[in-house]
Amino acid sequence: MDNLVFVSNTAGRFPNTKVISEYLVEQTLQVFANTKHALNAVKSSLADVVMFCLFIQNPKDTMTVLEIFSKKFKGVDLVTNVSCPPLNFIIYKV
């Protein structure tokens, strides 16, 4: 839409192997790597993001995910939506 880019469904799956880590931090870092890769493909970056929705499987993981999120988006003024709905598969942590 005009000069907007919509990126969705960026699970923490390693693109080359299609494997998803069972570890929360590794999976969360991969979510951001996949998002960054998608944005770079259209000459954009995390600094250009205006809204980000986080879906976290287990509420107890929220602070860990948000700590990583805050480092990835340091200095970026964006709207964030965080929710903890049940995700389709137990392996998905974020």
Protein backbone atom coordinates (compact mmCIF):
# COMPACT_ATOMS: atom_id res chain seq x y z
CA MET A 1 0.00 0.00 0.00
CA ASP A 2 1.71 3.15 -1.22
CA ASN A 3 5.12 3.14 0.47
CA LEU A 4 4.10 0.87 3.39
CA VAL A 5 5.46 -2.65 3.81
CA PHE A 6 3.49 -5.24 5.75
CA VAL A 7 5.46 -8.15 7.18
CA SER A 8 3.71 -10.96 9.02
CA ASN A 9 4.13 -14.52 10.23
CA THR A 10 7.85 -14.19 10.92
CA ALA A 11 8.24 -17.24 13.13
CA GLY A 12 11.62 -18.05 14.62
CA ARG A 13 12.31 -20.70 11.99
CA PHE A 14 15.77 -20.86 10.42
CA PRO A 15 15.03 -20.22 6.72
CA ASN A 16 17.73 -22.50 5.29
CA THR A 17 16.93 -25.56 7.40
CA LYS A 18 13.26 -24.87 8.28
CA VAL A 19 14.18 -25.88 11.86
CA ILE A 20 12.73 -23.96 14.78
CA SER A 21 14.73 -23.84 18.00
CA GLU A 22 13.19 -25.16 21.18
CA TYR A 23 14.96 -22.38 23.12
CA LEU A 24 13.13 -19.11 23.74
CA VAL A 25 16.05 -16.69 23.31
CA GLU A 26 17.33 -18.38 20.15
CA GLN A 27 13.84 -18.47 18.66
CA THR A 28 13.20 -14.82 19.56
CA LEU A 29 16.49 -13.70 18.01
CA GLN A 30 15.59 -15.63 14.86
CA VAL A 31 12.20 -13.86 14.68
CA PHE A 32 14.04 -10.55 14.53
CA ALA A 33 16.61 -11.88 12.04
CA ASN A 34 13.78 -13.06 9.76
CA THR A 35 11.96 -9.74 10.11
CA LYS A 36 15.15 -7.80 9.36
CA HIS A 37 15.83 -9.99 6.30
CA ALA A 38 12.30 -9.39 4.95
CA LEU A 39 12.63 -5.64 5.46
CA ASN A 40 16.08 -5.53 3.86
CA ALA A 41 14.64 -7.23 0.78
CA VAL A 42 12.57 -4.09 0.16
CA LYS A 43 15.33 -1.66 1.15
CA SER A 44 13.91 -1.05 4.62
CA SER A 45 15.08 -1.76 8.16
CA LEU A 46 13.94 -2.22 11.75
CA ALA A 47 14.40 1.55 12.16
CA ASP A 48 11.50 2.06 9.73
CA VAL A 49 9.00 -0.08 11.66
CA VAL A 50 5.95 1.81 12.94
CA MET A 51 4.05 -1.10 14.53
CA PHE A 52 5.06 -4.51 15.81
CA CYS A 53 2.80 -7.24 17.20
CA LEU A 54 4.36 -9.83 19.48
CA PHE A 55 2.61 -13.11 20.19
CA ILE A 56 4.18 -14.97 23.09
CA GLN A 57 3.02 -18.52 23.81
CA ASN A 58 3.74 -18.52 27.54
CA PRO A 59 3.10 -15.40 29.65
CA LYS A 60 6.10 -16.24 31.87
CA ASP A 61 8.37 -15.63 28.85
CA THR A 62 7.11 -12.08 28.31
CA MET A 63 9.90 -10.20 30.10
CA THR A 64 12.65 -12.19 28.36
CA VAL A 65 11.12 -11.49 24.95
CA LEU A 66 10.58 -7.81 25.77
CA GLU A 67 14.21 -7.41 26.86
CA ILE A 68 15.34 -8.67 23.46
CA PHE A 69 12.69 -6.56 21.72
CA SER A 70 13.84 -3.39 23.50
CA LYS A 71 17.44 -3.96 22.38
CA LYS A 72 16.43 -4.59 18.76
CA PHE A 73 14.24 -1.48 18.62
CA LYS A 74 16.33 0.86 20.78
CA GLY A 75 15.71 4.42 19.61
CA VAL A 76 12.77 3.44 17.37
CA ASP A 77 9.44 5.10 18.17
CA LEU A 78 6.85 2.46 17.35
CA VAL A 79 3.52 1.11 18.52
CA THR A 80 3.73 -2.33 20.10
CA ASN A 81 1.05 -4.89 20.75
CA VAL A 82 1.97 -7.80 23.03
CA SER A 83 -0.38 -10.69 23.66
CA CYS A 84 -0.12 -14.24 24.92
CA PRO A 85 -2.62 -16.27 22.92
CA PRO A 86 -2.22 -20.00 22.39
CA LEU A 87 -0.19 -20.40 19.20
CA ASN A 88 -0.81 -23.18 16.68
CA PHE A 89 2.07 -25.39 17.78
CA ILE A 90 3.75 -25.87 21.16
CA ILE A 91 7.18 -25.43 19.53
CA TYR A 92 6.35 -21.79 18.78
CA LYS A 93 7.43 -19.70 21.74
CA VAL A 94 7.17 -16.31 20.09
